[in-house]
Amino acid sequence: MSTPESPLTNGQRPSMLICDIDGTLTDEHYGLHPDLPEAFRRLEAAG
């Protein structure tokens, strides 16, 4: 598990965790679509 000091979080505590439990966010190679991070930022900004 990642700690706040790990390079994975750049020393910050994550404010959200996104889980892809049914495979709708990833392709057949478990990669994310390149537009997903921006879509998540817009969702977060919208509240």
PDB file of N, CA and C in Angstrom:
ATOM      1  N   MET A   1       0.848  -1.185   0.000  1.00  0.00           N
ATOM      2  CA  MET A   1       0.000   0.000   0.000  1.00  0.00           C
ATOM      3  C   MET A   1       0.887   1.239   0.000  1.00  0.00           C
ATOM      4  N   SER A   2       0.450   2.240  -0.667  1.00  0.00           N
ATOM      5  CA  SER A   2       1.196   3.485  -0.798  1.00  0.00           C
ATOM      6  C   SER A   2       1.073   4.336   0.465  1.00  0.00           C
ATOM      7  N   THR A   3       2.172   4.971   0.835  1.00  0.00           N
ATOM      8  CA  THR A   3       2.144   5.902   1.962  1.00  0.00           C
ATOM      9  C   THR A   3       2.178   7.319   1.413  1.00  0.00           C
ATOM     10  N   PRO A   4       1.798   8.331   2.216  1.00  0.00           N
ATOM     11  CA  PRO A   4       1.821   9.713   1.716  1.00  0.00           C
ATOM     12  C   PRO A   4       3.188  10.154   1.205  1.00  0.00           C
ATOM     13  N   GLU A   5       4.268   9.512   1.667  1.00  0.00           N
ATOM     14  CA  GLU A   5       5.611   9.909   1.250  1.00  0.00           C
ATOM     15  C   GLU A   5       6.056   9.211  -0.034  1.00  0.00           C
ATOM     16  N   SER A   6       5.260   8.312  -0.556  1.00  0.00           N
ATOM     17  CA  SER A   6       5.711   7.526  -1.701  1.00  0.00           C
ATOM     18  C   SER A   6       5.705   8.352  -2.987  1.00  0.00           C
ATOM     19  N   PRO A   7       6.544   7.991  -3.963  1.00  0.00           N
ATOM     20  CA  PRO A   7       6.552   8.688  -5.254  1.00  0.00           C
ATOM     21  C   PRO A   7       5.209   8.577  -5.977  1.00  0.00           C
ATOM     22  N   LEU A   8       4.450   7.541  -5.670  1.00  0.00           N
ATOM     23  CA  LEU A   8       3.159   7.349  -6.323  1.00  0.00           C
ATOM     24  C   LEU A   8       2.209   8.505  -6.047  1.00  0.00           C
ATOM     25  N   THR A   9       2.286   9.089  -4.853  1.00  0.00           N
ATOM     26  CA  THR A   9       1.373  10.172  -4.478  1.00  0.00           C
ATOM     27  C   THR A   9       2.061  11.526  -4.394  1.00  0.00           C
ATOM     28  N   ASN A  10       3.330  11.607  -4.761  1.00  0.00           N
ATOM     29  CA  ASN A  10       4.080  12.870  -4.702  1.00  0.00           C
ATOM     30  C   ASN A  10       4.027  13.509  -3.325  1.00  0.00           C
ATOM     31  N   GLY A  11       3.998  12.694  -2.275  1.00  0.00           N
ATOM     32  CA  GLY A  11       3.993  13.217  -0.914  1.00  0.00           C
ATOM     33  C   GLY A  11       2.652  13.756  -0.453  1.00  0.00           C
ATOM     34  N   GLN A  12       1.601  13.582  -1.237  1.00  0.00           N
ATOM     35  CA  GLN A  12       0.281  14.082  -0.860  1.00  0.00           C
ATOM     36  C   GLN A  12      -0.663  12.913  -0.618  1.00  0.00           C
ATOM     37  N   ARG A  13      -1.663  13.157   0.219  1.00  0.00           N
ATOM     38  CA  ARG A  13      -2.692  12.152   0.433  1.00  0.00           C
ATOM     39  C   ARG A  13      -3.697  12.209  -0.712  1.00  0.00           C
ATOM     40  N   PRO A  14      -3.998  11.065  -1.320  1.00  0.00           N
ATOM     41  CA  PRO A  14      -4.996  11.067  -2.392  1.00  0.00           C
ATOM     42  C   PRO A  14      -6.350  11.529  -1.876  1.00  0.00           C
ATOM     43  N   SER A  15      -7.069  12.303  -2.684  1.00  0.00           N
ATOM     44  CA  SER A  15      -8.392  12.777  -2.268  1.00  0.00           C
ATOM     45  C   SER A  15      -9.497  11.871  -2.786  1.00  0.00           C
ATOM     46  N   MET A  16      -9.162  10.976  -3.710  1.00  0.00           N
ATOM     47  CA  MET A  16     -10.158  10.023  -4.189  1.00  0.00           C
ATOM     48  C   MET A  16      -9.461   8.773  -4.689  1.00  0.00           C
ATOM     49  N   LEU A  17     -10.213   7.705  -4.719  1.00  0.00           N
ATOM     50  CA  LEU A  17      -9.737   6.430  -5.233  1.00  0.00           C
ATOM     51  C   LEU A  17     -10.763   5.953  -6.246  1.00  0.00           C
ATOM     52  N   ILE A  18     -10.311   5.624  -7.433  1.00  0.00           N
ATOM     53  CA  ILE A  18     -11.210   5.172  -8.491  1.00  0.00           C
ATOM     54  C   ILE A  18     -10.905   3.704  -8.769  1.00  0.00           C
ATOM     55  N   CYS A  19     -11.920   2.861  -8.672  1.00  0.00           N
ATOM     56  CA  CYS A  19     -11.769   1.423  -8.905  1.00  0.00           C
ATOM     57  C   CYS A  19     -12.568   1.009 -10.130  1.00  0.00           C
ATOM     58  N   ASP A  20     -11.964   0.218 -10.969  1.00  0.00           N
ATOM     59  CA  ASP A  20     -12.625  -0.291 -12.170  1.00  0.00           C
ATOM     60  C   ASP A  20     -13.012  -1.746 -11.920  1.00  0.00           C
ATOM     61  N   ILE A  21     -14.117  -1.954 -11.227  1.00  0.00           N
ATOM     62  CA  ILE A  21     -14.483  -3.316 -10.836  1.00  0.00           C
ATOM     63  C   ILE A  21     -15.122  -4.123 -11.961  1.00  0.00           C
ATOM     64  N   ASP A  22     -15.619  -3.466 -12.991  1.00  0.00           N
ATOM     65  CA  ASP A  22     -16.278  -4.219 -14.062  1.00  0.00           C
ATOM     66  C   ASP A  22     -15.582  -4.089 -15.416  1.00  0.00           C
ATOM     67  N   GLY A  23     -14.420  -3.438 -15.463  1.00  0.00           N
ATOM     68  CA  GLY A  23     -13.650  -3.352 -16.699  1.00  0.00           C
ATOM     69  C   GLY A  23     -14.111  -2.300 -17.684  1.00  0.00           C
ATOM     70  N   THR A  24     -14.922  -1.340 -17.266  1.00  0.00           N
ATOM     71  CA  THR A  24     -15.422  -0.332 -18.196  1.00  0.00           C
ATOM     72  C   THR A  24     -14.454   0.827 -18.403  1.00  0.00           C
ATOM     73  N   LEU A  25     -13.459   0.983 -17.547  1.00  0.00           N
ATOM     74  CA  LEU A  25     -12.519   2.101 -17.672  1.00  0.00           C
ATOM     75  C   LEU A  25     -11.206   1.706 -18.337  1.00  0.00           C
ATOM     76  N   THR A  26     -10.969   0.420 -18.485  1.00  0.00           N
ATOM     77  CA  THR A  26      -9.703  -0.044 -19.049  1.00  0.00           C
ATOM     78  C   THR A  26      -9.941  -0.833 -20.330  1.00  0.00           C
ATOM     79  N   ASP A  27      -8.875  -0.902 -21.134  1.00  0.00           N
ATOM     80  CA  ASP A  27      -8.958  -1.710 -22.347  1.00  0.00           C
ATOM     81  C   ASP A  27      -8.536  -3.144 -22.042  1.00  0.00           C
ATOM     82  N   GLU A  28      -8.395  -3.946 -23.079  1.00  0.00           N
ATOM     83  CA  GLU A  28      -8.064  -5.363 -22.876  1.00  0.00           C
ATOM     84  C   GLU A  28      -6.672  -5.570 -22.286  1.00  0.00           C
ATOM     85  N   HIS A  29      -5.830  -4.535 -22.322  1.00  0.00           N
ATOM     86  CA  HIS A  29      -4.484  -4.613 -21.740  1.00  0.00           C
ATOM     87  C   HIS A  29      -4.423  -3.906 -20.388  1.00  0.00           C
ATOM     88  N   TYR A  30      -5.584  -3.594 -19.815  1.00  0.00           N
ATOM     89  CA  TYR A  30      -5.711  -2.921 -18.517  1.00  0.00           C
ATOM     90  C   TYR A  30      -5.137  -1.510 -18.528  1.00  0.00           C
ATOM     91  N   GLY A  31      -5.071  -0.900 -19.688  1.00  0.00           N
ATOM     92  CA  GLY A  31      -4.615   0.483 -19.800  1.00  0.00           C
ATOM     93  C   GLY A  31      -5.795   1.441 -19.772  1.00  0.00           C
ATOM     94  N   LEU A  32      -5.576   2.624 -19.221  1.00  0.00           N
ATOM     95  CA  LEU A  32      -6.625   3.647 -19.186  1.00  0.00           C
ATOM     96  C   LEU A  32      -6.639   4.444 -20.483  1.00  0.00           C
ATOM     97  N   HIS A  33      -7.810   4.855 -20.888  1.00  0.00           N
ATOM     98  CA  HIS A  33      -7.928   5.745 -22.043  1.00  0.00           C
ATOM     99  C   HIS A  33      -7.229   7.053 -21.684  1.00  0.00           C
ATOM    100  N   PRO A  34      -6.471   7.666 -22.589  1.00  0.00           N
ATOM    101  CA  PRO A  34      -5.716   8.879 -22.256  1.00  0.00           C
ATOM    102  C   PRO A  34      -6.577  10.067 -21.822  1.00  0.00           C
ATOM    103  N   ASP A  35      -7.846  10.089 -22.174  1.00  0.00           N
ATOM    104  CA  ASP A  35      -8.719  11.203 -21.775  1.00  0.00           C
ATOM    105  C   ASP A  35      -9.330  11.036 -20.385  1.00  0.00           C
ATOM    106  N   LEU A  36      -9.182   9.863 -19.770  1.00  0.00           N
ATOM    107  CA  LEU A  36      -9.823   9.638 -18.469  1.00  0.00           C
ATOM    108  C   LEU A  36      -9.327  10.553 -17.351  1.00  0.00           C
ATOM    109  N   PRO A  37      -8.027  10.811 -17.210  1.00  0.00           N
ATOM    110  CA  PRO A  37      -7.616  11.710 -16.118  1.00  0.00           C
ATOM    111  C   PRO A  37      -8.296  13.081 -16.187  1.00  0.00           C
ATOM    112  N   GLU A  38      -8.398  13.649 -17.375  1.00  0.00           N
ATOM    113  CA  GLU A  38      -9.067  14.951 -17.509  1.00  0.00           C
ATOM    114  C   GLU A  38     -10.552  14.830 -17.200  1.00  0.00           C
ATOM    115  N   ALA A  39     -11.176  13.756 -17.607  1.00  0.00           N
ATOM    116  CA  ALA A  39     -12.598  13.548 -17.296  1.00  0.00           C
ATOM    117  C   ALA A  39     -12.803  13.443 -15.789  1.00  0.00           C
ATOM    118  N   PHE A  40     -11.911  12.757 -15.088  1.00  0.00           N
ATOM    119  CA  PHE A  40     -12.014  12.660 -13.630  1.00  0.00           C
ATOM    120  C   PHE A  40     -11.821  14.025 -12.977  1.00  0.00           C
ATOM    121  N   ARG A  41     -10.902  14.837 -13.516  1.00  0.00           N
ATOM    122  CA  ARG A  41     -10.706  16.186 -12.965  1.00  0.00           C
ATOM    123  C   ARG A  41     -11.969  17.026 -13.131  1.00  0.00           C
ATOM    124  N   ARG A  42     -12.624  16.918 -14.290  1.00  0.00           N
ATOM    125  CA  ARG A  42     -13.869  17.670 -14.510  1.00  0.00           C
ATOM    126  C   ARG A  42     -14.971  17.199 -13.568  1.00  0.00           C
ATOM    127  N   LEU A  43     -15.070  15.896 -13.347  1.00  0.00           N
ATOM    128  CA  LEU A  43     -16.062  15.376 -12.396  1.00  0.00           C
ATOM    129  C   LEU A  43     -15.799  15.897 -10.991  1.00  0.00           C
ATOM    130  N   GLU A  44     -14.532  15.888 -10.586  1.00  0.00           N
ATOM    131  CA  GLU A  44     -14.179  16.377  -9.252  1.00  0.00           C
ATOM    132  C   GLU A  44     -14.512  17.865  -9.124  1.00  0.00           C
ATOM    133  N   ALA A  45     -14.221  18.650 -10.146  1.00  0.00           N
ATOM    134  CA  ALA A  45     -14.497  20.089 -10.104  1.00  0.00           C
ATOM    135  C   ALA A  45     -15.995  20.372 -10.048  1.00  0.00           C
ATOM    136  N   ALA A  46     -16.782  19.509 -10.660  1.00  0.00           N
ATOM    137  CA  ALA A  46     -18.237  19.696 -10.661  1.00  0.00           C
ATOM    138  C   ALA A  46     -18.864  19.337  -9.317  1.00  0.00           C
ATOM    139  N   GLY A  47     -18.092  18.677  -8.467  1.00  0.00           N
ATOM    140  CA  GLY A  47     -18.600  18.323  -7.135  1.00  0.00           C
ATOM    141  C   GLY A  47     -19.245  17.004  -7.151  1.00  0.00           C
TER     142      GLY A  47
END
